[in-house]
């Protein structure tokens, strides 16, 4: 437990205070640009990470939103309720309502994830065509979608916006925004709740490292430059449009630190 507390304290100093959150969008864009340049220049060495079946891709990236969702859900619920009760002196009913309001950010994120992935599929189907080795004398079949093409062992050539670049950048930025609540949250060092929050916080930080690392692998090994650039721009736009615009409005899930401006957040979790 002492090691967990030390890990949480070190990570809070870097993540909760915004030292990583502020430069991360520019870092992700730089990774997309430089990774693409290395890939196009043939300067990337062969590694197991270029195989789409590598464990990190199969068990983490393929279900990235599920990992992000199920770790953020208890973290947001516990920290928001504690913040409402101790810092804002809300009653139980008002605290529970604030928790539900903040958890609706996960519904917004799910909607963003679903709509964007459906858009990417639509664009790829709209711009693509199927390359398939037909049998002699057999009339050429027209395929309307990538799925139909692959069912006949064909290769679909379309504009494939990088879903990985979109989702990994969006998930990483969303996690860093949500852990900012620790800047205003104070809990007793001996409380069991603090241990649970520390476990969730360290897990979320570890997940963010995985997302950024796999974003780097995507930039180095997969997709064309324009596909990766568009993917990360959509991911960052989704983050900016929610946390830097919509969540500032009254009728929204709100920011992780309600009623506290971004410039006046006080870091008091470790008191």
C-alpha atoms as a PDB file:
ATOM      1  CA  UNK A   1       0.000   0.000   0.000  1.00  0.00           C
ATOM      2  CA  UNK A   2       2.893   2.346   0.744  1.00  0.00           C
ATOM      3  CA  UNK A   3       4.337   1.726  -2.713  1.00  0.00           C
ATOM      4  CA  UNK A   4       0.919   2.415  -4.243  1.00  0.00           C
ATOM      5  CA  UNK A   5       0.678   5.684  -2.308  1.00  0.00           C
ATOM      6  CA  UNK A   6       4.128   6.777  -3.503  1.00  0.00           C
ATOM      7  CA  UNK A   7       3.252   5.901  -7.092  1.00  0.00           C
ATOM      8  CA  UNK A   8       0.010   7.823  -6.864  1.00  0.00           C
ATOM      9  CA  UNK A   9       1.764  10.849  -5.376  1.00  0.00           C
ATOM     10  CA  UNK A  10       4.374  10.957  -8.155  1.00  0.00           C
ATOM     11  CA  UNK A  11       1.786  10.533 -10.880  1.00  0.00           C
ATOM     12  CA  UNK A  12      -0.457  13.212  -9.378  1.00  0.00           C
ATOM     13  CA  UNK A  13       2.389  15.692  -9.494  1.00  0.00           C
ATOM     14  CA  UNK A  14       2.791  15.125 -13.238  1.00  0.00           C
ATOM     15  CA  UNK A  15      -0.717  14.335 -14.453  1.00  0.00           C
ATOM     16  CA  UNK A  16      -3.293  15.902 -12.175  1.00  0.00           C
ATOM     17  CA  UNK A  17      -1.602  19.295 -12.276  1.00  0.00           C
ATOM     18  CA  UNK A  18      -1.682  19.437 -16.059  1.00  0.00           C
ATOM     19  CA  UNK A  19       2.035  19.096 -16.807  1.00  0.00           C
ATOM     20  CA  UNK A  20       1.230  16.298 -19.242  1.00  0.00           C
ATOM     21  CA  UNK A  21      -2.308  17.339 -20.192  1.00  0.00           C
ATOM     22  CA  UNK A  22      -1.331  20.681 -21.693  1.00  0.00           C
ATOM     23  CA  UNK A  23       1.420  19.539 -24.112  1.00  0.00           C
ATOM     24  CA  UNK A  24      -0.123  16.160 -25.011  1.00  0.00           C
ATOM     25  CA  UNK A  25      -2.194  17.368 -28.041  1.00  0.00           C
ATOM     26  CA  UNK A  26       0.912  18.851 -29.669  1.00  0.00           C
ATOM     27  CA  UNK A  27       2.885  15.705 -28.793  1.00  0.00           C
ATOM     28  CA  UNK A  28       0.311  13.454 -30.456  1.00  0.00           C
ATOM     29  CA  UNK A  29       0.345  15.564 -33.616  1.00  0.00           C
ATOM     30  CA  UNK A  30       4.154  15.479 -33.651  1.00  0.00           C
ATOM     31  CA  UNK A  31       4.141  11.690 -33.242  1.00  0.00           C
ATOM     32  CA  UNK A  32       1.727  11.335 -36.179  1.00  0.00           C
ATOM     33  CA  UNK A  33       3.896  13.531 -38.411  1.00  0.00           C
ATOM     34  CA  UNK A  34       7.310  12.155 -37.430  1.00  0.00           C
ATOM     35  CA  UNK A  35       6.126   8.550 -37.286  1.00  0.00           C
ATOM     36  CA  UNK A  36       4.717   8.847 -40.796  1.00  0.00           C
ATOM     37  CA  UNK A  37       7.971  10.382 -42.052  1.00  0.00           C
ATOM     38  CA  UNK A  38       9.978   7.482 -40.614  1.00  0.00           C
ATOM     39  CA  UNK A  39       7.544   4.941 -42.066  1.00  0.00           C
ATOM     40  CA  UNK A  40       7.584   6.516 -45.530  1.00  0.00           C
ATOM     41  CA  UNK A  41      11.377   6.736 -45.410  1.00  0.00           C
ATOM     42  CA  UNK A  42      11.732   3.033 -44.614  1.00  0.00           C
ATOM     43  CA  UNK A  43      13.543   3.815 -41.363  1.00  0.00           C
ATOM     44  CA  UNK A  44      11.316   1.783 -39.048  1.00  0.00           C
ATOM     45  CA  UNK A  45      12.799  -1.555 -37.901  1.00  0.00           C
ATOM     46  CA  UNK A  46      10.764  -4.748 -37.993  1.00  0.00           C
ATOM     47  CA  UNK A  47       9.289  -5.589 -34.595  1.00  0.00           C
ATOM     48  CA  UNK A  48       6.402  -7.768 -33.323  1.00  0.00           C
ATOM     49  CA  UNK A  49       4.388  -4.556 -32.889  1.00  0.00           C
ATOM     50  CA  UNK A  50       3.897  -4.275 -36.651  1.00  0.00           C
ATOM     51  CA  UNK A  51       1.762  -7.416 -36.468  1.00  0.00           C
ATOM     52  CA  UNK A  52      -1.887  -6.505 -35.869  1.00  0.00           C
ATOM     53  CA  UNK A  53      -2.237  -9.654 -33.768  1.00  0.00           C
ATOM     54  CA  UNK A  54       0.245  -8.509 -31.110  1.00  0.00           C
ATOM     55  CA  UNK A  55      -1.194  -8.796 -27.559  1.00  0.00           C
ATOM     56  CA  UNK A  56      -1.316  -5.047 -26.872  1.00  0.00           C
ATOM     57  CA  UNK A  57      -3.361  -4.462 -29.995  1.00  0.00           C
ATOM     58  CA  UNK A  58      -5.678  -7.444 -29.526  1.00  0.00           C
ATOM     59  CA  UNK A  59      -6.363  -7.158 -25.794  1.00  0.00           C
ATOM     60  CA  UNK A  60      -6.118  -3.387 -25.304  1.00  0.00           C
ATOM     61  CA  UNK A  61      -6.416  -1.236 -28.432  1.00  0.00           C
ATOM     62  CA  UNK A  62      -9.204  -3.277 -30.036  1.00  0.00           C
ATOM     63  CA  UNK A  63     -11.281  -2.682 -26.892  1.00  0.00           C
ATOM     64  CA  UNK A  64      -9.770   0.688 -25.953  1.00  0.00           C
ATOM     65  CA  UNK A  65     -13.070   2.387 -25.255  1.00  0.00           C
ATOM     66  CA  UNK A  66     -14.207  -0.475 -22.985  1.00  0.00           C
ATOM     67  CA  UNK A  67     -10.998  -0.211 -20.890  1.00  0.00           C
ATOM     68  CA  UNK A  68     -11.348   3.569 -20.663  1.00  0.00           C
ATOM     69  CA  UNK A  69     -15.056   3.408 -19.833  1.00  0.00           C
ATOM     70  CA  UNK A  70     -14.906   0.811 -17.073  1.00  0.00           C
ATOM     71  CA  UNK A  71     -11.987   2.453 -15.265  1.00  0.00           C
ATOM     72  CA  UNK A  72     -13.350   5.982 -15.547  1.00  0.00           C
ATOM     73  CA  UNK A  73     -16.845   5.010 -14.389  1.00  0.00           C
ATOM     74  CA  UNK A  74     -15.949   4.151 -10.751  1.00  0.00           C
ATOM     75  CA  UNK A  75     -13.255   6.846 -10.632  1.00  0.00           C
ATOM     76  CA  UNK A  76     -15.656   9.626 -11.673  1.00  0.00           C
ATOM     77  CA  UNK A  77     -18.414   8.343  -9.372  1.00  0.00           C
ATOM     78  CA  UNK A  78     -16.211   8.108  -6.260  1.00  0.00           C
ATOM     79  CA  UNK A  79     -14.237  11.305  -6.721  1.00  0.00           C
ATOM     80  CA  UNK A  80     -17.239  13.423  -7.715  1.00  0.00           C
ATOM     81  CA  UNK A  81     -19.306  12.242  -4.746  1.00  0.00           C
ATOM     82  CA  UNK A  82     -16.416  12.836  -2.348  1.00  0.00           C
ATOM     83  CA  UNK A  83     -15.753  16.285  -3.811  1.00  0.00           C
ATOM     84  CA  UNK A  84     -19.420  17.252  -3.567  1.00  0.00           C
ATOM     85  CA  UNK A  85     -19.754  16.088   0.032  1.00  0.00           C
ATOM     86  CA  UNK A  86     -16.490  17.437   1.492  1.00  0.00           C
ATOM     87  CA  UNK A  87     -15.507  20.466  -0.570  1.00  0.00           C
ATOM     88  CA  UNK A  88     -18.913  21.761  -1.619  1.00  0.00           C
ATOM     89  CA  UNK A  89     -20.885  20.564   1.442  1.00  0.00           C
ATOM     90  CA  UNK A  90     -23.675  19.157  -0.716  1.00  0.00           C
ATOM     91  CA  UNK A  91     -26.322  16.865   0.730  1.00  0.00           C
ATOM     92  CA  UNK A  92     -26.594  13.252  -0.386  1.00  0.00           C
ATOM     93  CA  UNK A  93     -29.308  13.897  -2.957  1.00  0.00           C
ATOM     94  CA  UNK A  94     -27.518  16.822  -4.569  1.00  0.00           C
ATOM     95  CA  UNK A  95     -24.233  14.903  -4.499  1.00  0.00           C
ATOM     96  CA  UNK A  96     -25.846  11.908  -6.200  1.00  0.00           C
ATOM     97  CA  UNK A  97     -27.309  14.176  -8.884  1.00  0.00           C
ATOM     98  CA  UNK A  98     -23.890  15.703  -9.494  1.00  0.00           C
ATOM     99  CA  UNK A  99     -22.421  12.199  -9.852  1.00  0.00           C
ATOM    100  CA  UNK A 100     -25.057  11.277 -12.433  1.00  0.00           C
ATOM    101  CA  UNK A 101     -24.419  14.512 -14.303  1.00  0.00           C
ATOM    102  CA  UNK A 102     -20.687  13.884 -14.447  1.00  0.00           C
ATOM    103  CA  UNK A 103     -21.146  10.230 -15.428  1.00  0.00           C
ATOM    104  CA  UNK A 104     -23.140  11.424 -18.435  1.00  0.00           C
ATOM    105  CA  UNK A 105     -19.767  12.490 -19.867  1.00  0.00           C
ATOM    106  CA  UNK A 106     -19.164   8.774 -20.452  1.00  0.00           C
ATOM    107  CA  UNK A 107     -22.406   8.587 -22.445  1.00  0.00           C
ATOM    108  CA  UNK A 108     -21.203  11.543 -24.508  1.00  0.00           C
ATOM    109  CA  UNK A 109     -17.877   9.800 -25.039  1.00  0.00           C
ATOM    110  CA  UNK A 110     -19.617   6.603 -26.095  1.00  0.00           C
ATOM    111  CA  UNK A 111     -21.736   8.542 -28.590  1.00  0.00           C
ATOM    112  CA  UNK A 112     -18.616  10.266 -29.973  1.00  0.00           C
ATOM    113  CA  UNK A 113     -16.842   6.914 -30.319  1.00  0.00           C
ATOM    114  CA  UNK A 114     -19.794   5.251 -32.051  1.00  0.00           C
ATOM    115  CA  UNK A 115     -20.617   8.091 -34.446  1.00  0.00           C
ATOM    116  CA  UNK A 116     -17.007   8.627 -35.472  1.00  0.00           C
ATOM    117  CA  UNK A 117     -16.316   4.942 -36.105  1.00  0.00           C
ATOM    118  CA  UNK A 118     -19.508   4.688 -38.157  1.00  0.00           C
ATOM    119  CA  UNK A 119     -18.403   7.768 -40.121  1.00  0.00           C
ATOM    120  CA  UNK A 120     -15.008   6.182 -40.800  1.00  0.00           C
ATOM    121  CA  UNK A 121     -16.660   2.991 -42.082  1.00  0.00           C
ATOM    122  CA  UNK A 122     -19.000   5.039 -44.302  1.00  0.00           C
ATOM    123  CA  UNK A 123     -16.115   7.045 -45.797  1.00  0.00           C
ATOM    124  CA  UNK A 124     -14.084   3.903 -46.475  1.00  0.00           C
ATOM    125  CA  UNK A 125     -17.032   2.183 -48.162  1.00  0.00           C
ATOM    126  CA  UNK A 126     -17.839   5.315 -50.171  1.00  0.00           C
ATOM    127  CA  UNK A 127     -14.298   5.809 -51.476  1.00  0.00           C
ATOM    128  CA  UNK A 128     -13.238   2.209 -51.963  1.00  0.00           C
ATOM    129  CA  UNK A 129     -13.370  -0.607 -54.465  1.00  0.00           C
ATOM    130  CA  UNK A 130     -12.697  -4.316 -54.198  1.00  0.00           C
ATOM    131  CA  UNK A 131      -9.647  -6.004 -55.673  1.00  0.00           C
ATOM    132  CA  UNK A 132     -10.361  -9.699 -56.139  1.00  0.00           C
ATOM    133  CA  UNK A 133      -9.101 -12.453 -58.386  1.00  0.00           C
ATOM    134  CA  UNK A 134     -12.167 -13.549 -60.336  1.00  0.00           C
ATOM    135  CA  UNK A 135     -12.593 -16.907 -62.021  1.00  0.00           C
ATOM    136  CA  UNK A 136     -12.158 -17.011 -65.844  1.00  0.00           C
ATOM    137  CA  UNK A 137     -15.433 -16.378 -67.652  1.00  0.00           C
ATOM    138  CA  UNK A 138     -17.187 -15.252 -64.508  1.00  0.00           C
ATOM    139  CA  UNK A 139     -18.772 -11.764 -64.679  1.00  0.00           C
ATOM    140  CA  UNK A 140     -17.182  -9.202 -62.408  1.00  0.00           C
ATOM    141  CA  UNK A 141     -19.191  -8.567 -59.243  1.00  0.00           C
ATOM    142  CA  UNK A 142     -19.646  -5.091 -57.826  1.00  0.00           C
ATOM    143  CA  UNK A 143     -19.131  -4.829 -54.074  1.00  0.00           C
ATOM    144  CA  UNK A 144     -20.870  -2.156 -52.033  1.00  0.00           C
ATOM    145  CA  UNK A 145     -18.821  -2.457 -48.851  1.00  0.00           C
ATOM    146  CA  UNK A 146     -15.542  -3.623 -47.383  1.00  0.00           C
ATOM    147  CA  UNK A 147     -17.363  -6.349 -45.480  1.00  0.00           C
ATOM    148  CA  UNK A 148     -18.812  -7.898 -48.648  1.00  0.00           C
ATOM    149  CA  UNK A 149     -15.416  -7.715 -50.330  1.00  0.00           C
ATOM    150  CA  UNK A 150     -13.634  -9.481 -47.485  1.00  0.00           C
ATOM    151  CA  UNK A 151     -16.276 -12.197 -47.346  1.00  0.00           C
ATOM    152  CA  UNK A 152     -15.112 -13.199 -50.844  1.00  0.00           C
ATOM    153  CA  UNK A 153     -11.427 -12.965 -49.799  1.00  0.00           C
ATOM    154  CA  UNK A 154     -10.932  -9.676 -51.614  1.00  0.00           C
ATOM    155  CA  UNK A 155      -8.935  -6.582 -50.672  1.00  0.00           C
ATOM    156  CA  UNK A 156     -10.836  -3.324 -50.206  1.00  0.00           C
ATOM    157  CA  UNK A 157      -8.975  -0.188 -51.283  1.00  0.00           C
ATOM    158  CA  UNK A 158     -10.543   2.909 -49.741  1.00  0.00           C
ATOM    159  CA  UNK A 159      -9.673   5.948 -47.651  1.00  0.00           C
ATOM    160  CA  UNK A 160      -9.273   4.317 -44.230  1.00  0.00           C
ATOM    161  CA  UNK A 161      -9.238   7.090 -41.600  1.00  0.00           C
ATOM    162  CA  UNK A 162      -7.167   5.794 -38.689  1.00  0.00           C
ATOM    163  CA  UNK A 163      -9.617   4.726 -36.026  1.00  0.00           C
ATOM    164  CA  UNK A 164      -6.691   3.960 -33.724  1.00  0.00           C
ATOM    165  CA  UNK A 165      -5.302   7.487 -33.958  1.00  0.00           C
ATOM    166  CA  UNK A 166      -8.759   8.903 -33.310  1.00  0.00           C
ATOM    167  CA  UNK A 167      -9.678   6.679 -30.371  1.00  0.00           C
ATOM    168  CA  UNK A 168      -6.302   6.553 -28.630  1.00  0.00           C
ATOM    169  CA  UNK A 169      -5.887  10.336 -28.720  1.00  0.00           C
ATOM    170  CA  UNK A 170      -9.472  10.892 -27.539  1.00  0.00           C
ATOM    171  CA  UNK A 171      -9.208   8.345 -24.714  1.00  0.00           C
ATOM    172  CA  UNK A 172      -5.858   9.690 -23.515  1.00  0.00           C
ATOM    173  CA  UNK A 173      -7.100  13.283 -23.410  1.00  0.00           C
ATOM    174  CA  UNK A 174     -10.359  12.289 -21.725  1.00  0.00           C
ATOM    175  CA  UNK A 175      -8.530  10.391 -18.977  1.00  0.00           C
ATOM    176  CA  UNK A 176      -6.200  13.318 -18.274  1.00  0.00           C
ATOM    177  CA  UNK A 177      -9.146  15.694 -18.077  1.00  0.00           C
ATOM    178  CA  UNK A 178     -11.000  13.482 -15.614  1.00  0.00           C
ATOM    179  CA  UNK A 179      -8.063  12.869 -13.255  1.00  0.00           C
ATOM    180  CA  UNK A 180      -7.786  16.653 -12.890  1.00  0.00           C
ATOM    181  CA  UNK A 181     -10.427  16.301 -10.168  1.00  0.00           C
ATOM    182  CA  UNK A 182      -7.610  15.265  -7.820  1.00  0.00           C
ATOM    183  CA  UNK A 183      -6.431  18.884  -7.823  1.00  0.00           C
ATOM    184  CA  UNK A 184      -9.327  19.807  -5.553  1.00  0.00           C
ATOM    185  CA  UNK A 185     -10.005  16.545  -3.715  1.00  0.00           C
ATOM    186  CA  UNK A 186      -8.814  15.994  -0.150  1.00  0.00           C
ATOM    187  CA  UNK A 187      -9.115  12.620   1.576  1.00  0.00           C
ATOM    188  CA  UNK A 188      -7.787  11.169   4.793  1.00  0.00           C
ATOM    189  CA  UNK A 189      -4.549   9.231   4.326  1.00  0.00           C
ATOM    190  CA  UNK A 190      -5.930   6.271   6.288  1.00  0.00           C
ATOM    191  CA  UNK A 191      -9.272   5.994   4.486  1.00  0.00           C
ATOM    192  CA  UNK A 192     -10.138   2.935   2.418  1.00  0.00           C
ATOM    193  CA  UNK A 193     -11.625   5.245  -0.200  1.00  0.00           C
ATOM    194  CA  UNK A 194      -8.215   6.827  -0.747  1.00  0.00           C
ATOM    195  CA  UNK A 195      -6.741   3.382  -1.456  1.00  0.00           C
ATOM    196  CA  UNK A 196      -9.463   2.600  -4.004  1.00  0.00           C
ATOM    197  CA  UNK A 197      -9.047   5.989  -5.703  1.00  0.00           C
ATOM    198  CA  UNK A 198      -5.266   5.474  -5.809  1.00  0.00           C
ATOM    199  CA  UNK A 199      -5.688   2.065  -7.451  1.00  0.00           C
ATOM    200  CA  UNK A 200      -8.027   3.517 -10.064  1.00  0.00           C
ATOM    201  CA  UNK A 201      -5.797   6.544 -10.612  1.00  0.00           C
ATOM    202  CA  UNK A 202      -2.623   4.494 -11.115  1.00  0.00           C
ATOM    203  CA  UNK A 203      -4.539   2.131 -13.428  1.00  0.00           C
ATOM    204  CA  UNK A 204      -5.805   5.066 -15.501  1.00  0.00           C
ATOM    205  CA  UNK A 205      -2.307   6.525 -15.717  1.00  0.00           C
ATOM    206  CA  UNK A 206      -0.918   3.151 -16.844  1.00  0.00           C
ATOM    207  CA  UNK A 207      -3.687   2.930 -19.432  1.00  0.00           C
ATOM    208  CA  UNK A 208      -2.794   6.398 -20.738  1.00  0.00           C
ATOM    209  CA  UNK A 209       0.825   5.312 -21.185  1.00  0.00           C
ATOM    210  CA  UNK A 210      -0.369   2.284 -23.169  1.00  0.00           C
ATOM    211  CA  UNK A 211      -2.618   4.462 -25.345  1.00  0.00           C
ATOM    212  CA  UNK A 212       0.205   6.892 -26.180  1.00  0.00           C
ATOM    213  CA  UNK A 213       2.641   4.034 -26.837  1.00  0.00           C
ATOM    214  CA  UNK A 214       0.199   2.277 -29.166  1.00  0.00           C
ATOM    215  CA  UNK A 215      -0.499   5.612 -30.862  1.00  0.00           C
ATOM    216  CA  UNK A 216       3.241   5.747 -31.592  1.00  0.00           C
ATOM    217  CA  UNK A 217       3.146   2.193 -32.986  1.00  0.00           C
ATOM    218  CA  UNK A 218       0.218   3.125 -35.242  1.00  0.00           C
ATOM    219  CA  UNK A 219       2.123   6.164 -36.509  1.00  0.00           C
ATOM    220  CA  UNK A 220       5.180   4.034 -37.263  1.00  0.00           C
ATOM    221  CA  UNK A 221       3.623   0.957 -38.831  1.00  0.00           C
ATOM    222  CA  UNK A 222       0.096   1.550 -40.138  1.00  0.00           C
ATOM    223  CA  UNK A 223      -1.981   3.797 -42.413  1.00  0.00           C
ATOM    224  CA  UNK A 224      -0.978   6.665 -44.701  1.00  0.00           C
ATOM    225  CA  UNK A 225      -0.016  10.053 -43.316  1.00  0.00           C
ATOM    226  CA  UNK A 226      -3.293  11.741 -44.290  1.00  0.00           C
ATOM    227  CA  UNK A 227      -5.324   8.948 -42.695  1.00  0.00           C
ATOM    228  CA  UNK A 228      -3.412   9.239 -39.403  1.00  0.00           C
ATOM    229  CA  UNK A 229      -3.452  13.023 -39.386  1.00  0.00           C
ATOM    230  CA  UNK A 230      -7.196  13.143 -39.974  1.00  0.00           C
ATOM    231  CA  UNK A 231      -7.761  10.519 -37.286  1.00  0.00           C
ATOM    232  CA  UNK A 232      -5.843  12.398 -34.595  1.00  0.00           C
ATOM    233  CA  UNK A 233      -7.381  15.734 -35.607  1.00  0.00           C
ATOM    234  CA  UNK A 234     -10.865  14.267 -35.188  1.00  0.00           C
ATOM    235  CA  UNK A 235      -9.903  12.796 -31.812  1.00  0.00           C
ATOM    236  CA  UNK A 236      -8.494  16.093 -30.550  1.00  0.00           C
ATOM    237  CA  UNK A 237     -11.468  18.003 -31.957  1.00  0.00           C
ATOM    238  CA  UNK A 238     -13.843  15.715 -30.069  1.00  0.00           C
ATOM    239  CA  UNK A 239     -11.895  16.366 -26.839  1.00  0.00           C
ATOM    240  CA  UNK A 240     -11.724  20.121 -27.405  1.00  0.00           C
ATOM    241  CA  UNK A 241     -15.356  20.422 -28.418  1.00  0.00           C
ATOM    242  CA  UNK A 242     -16.505  18.722 -25.224  1.00  0.00           C
ATOM    243  CA  UNK A 243     -14.082  19.636 -22.437  1.00  0.00           C
ATOM    244  CA  UNK A 244     -13.062  23.059 -23.692  1.00  0.00           C
ATOM    245  CA  UNK A 245     -16.399  24.219 -25.088  1.00  0.00           C
ATOM    246  CA  UNK A 246     -19.597  22.280 -24.379  1.00  0.00           C
ATOM    247  CA  UNK A 247     -18.782  21.222 -20.798  1.00  0.00           C
ATOM    248  CA  UNK A 248     -18.401  24.893 -19.864  1.00  0.00           C
ATOM    249  CA  UNK A 249     -22.098  25.387 -20.609  1.00  0.00           C
ATOM    250  CA  UNK A 250     -24.837  25.021 -17.945  1.00  0.00           C
ATOM    251  CA  UNK A 251     -26.695  22.176 -19.691  1.00  0.00           C
ATOM    252  CA  UNK A 252     -23.823  19.705 -20.052  1.00  0.00           C
ATOM    253  CA  UNK A 253     -22.061  16.996 -18.030  1.00  0.00           C
ATOM    254  CA  UNK A 254     -19.808  19.748 -16.671  1.00  0.00           C
ATOM    255  CA  UNK A 255     -16.094  19.727 -15.960  1.00  0.00           C
ATOM    256  CA  UNK A 256     -14.440  17.364 -13.441  1.00  0.00           C
ATOM    257  CA  UNK A 257     -14.065  20.368 -11.101  1.00  0.00           C
ATOM    258  CA  UNK A 258     -17.548  21.942 -10.973  1.00  0.00           C
ATOM    259  CA  UNK A 259     -17.802  25.673 -10.344  1.00  0.00           C
ATOM    260  CA  UNK A 260     -13.996  26.048 -10.361  1.00  0.00           C
ATOM    261  CA  UNK A 261     -12.346  27.845 -13.260  1.00  0.00           C
ATOM    262  CA  UNK A 262      -9.454  26.136 -15.017  1.00  0.00           C
ATOM    263  CA  UNK A 263      -7.072  28.878 -13.920  1.00  0.00           C
ATOM    264  CA  UNK A 264      -7.906  28.680 -10.224  1.00  0.00           C
ATOM    265  CA  UNK A 265      -7.861  24.964  -9.477  1.00  0.00           C
ATOM    266  CA  UNK A 266      -6.194  24.179  -6.179  1.00  0.00           C
ATOM    267  CA  UNK A 267      -4.137  21.048  -5.734  1.00  0.00           C
ATOM    268  CA  UNK A 268      -5.080  19.712  -2.329  1.00  0.00           C
ATOM    269  CA  UNK A 269      -5.495  15.956  -2.707  1.00  0.00           C
ATOM    270  CA  UNK A 270      -2.292  15.165  -0.814  1.00  0.00           C
ATOM    271  CA  UNK A 271      -3.011  17.365   2.195  1.00  0.00           C
END
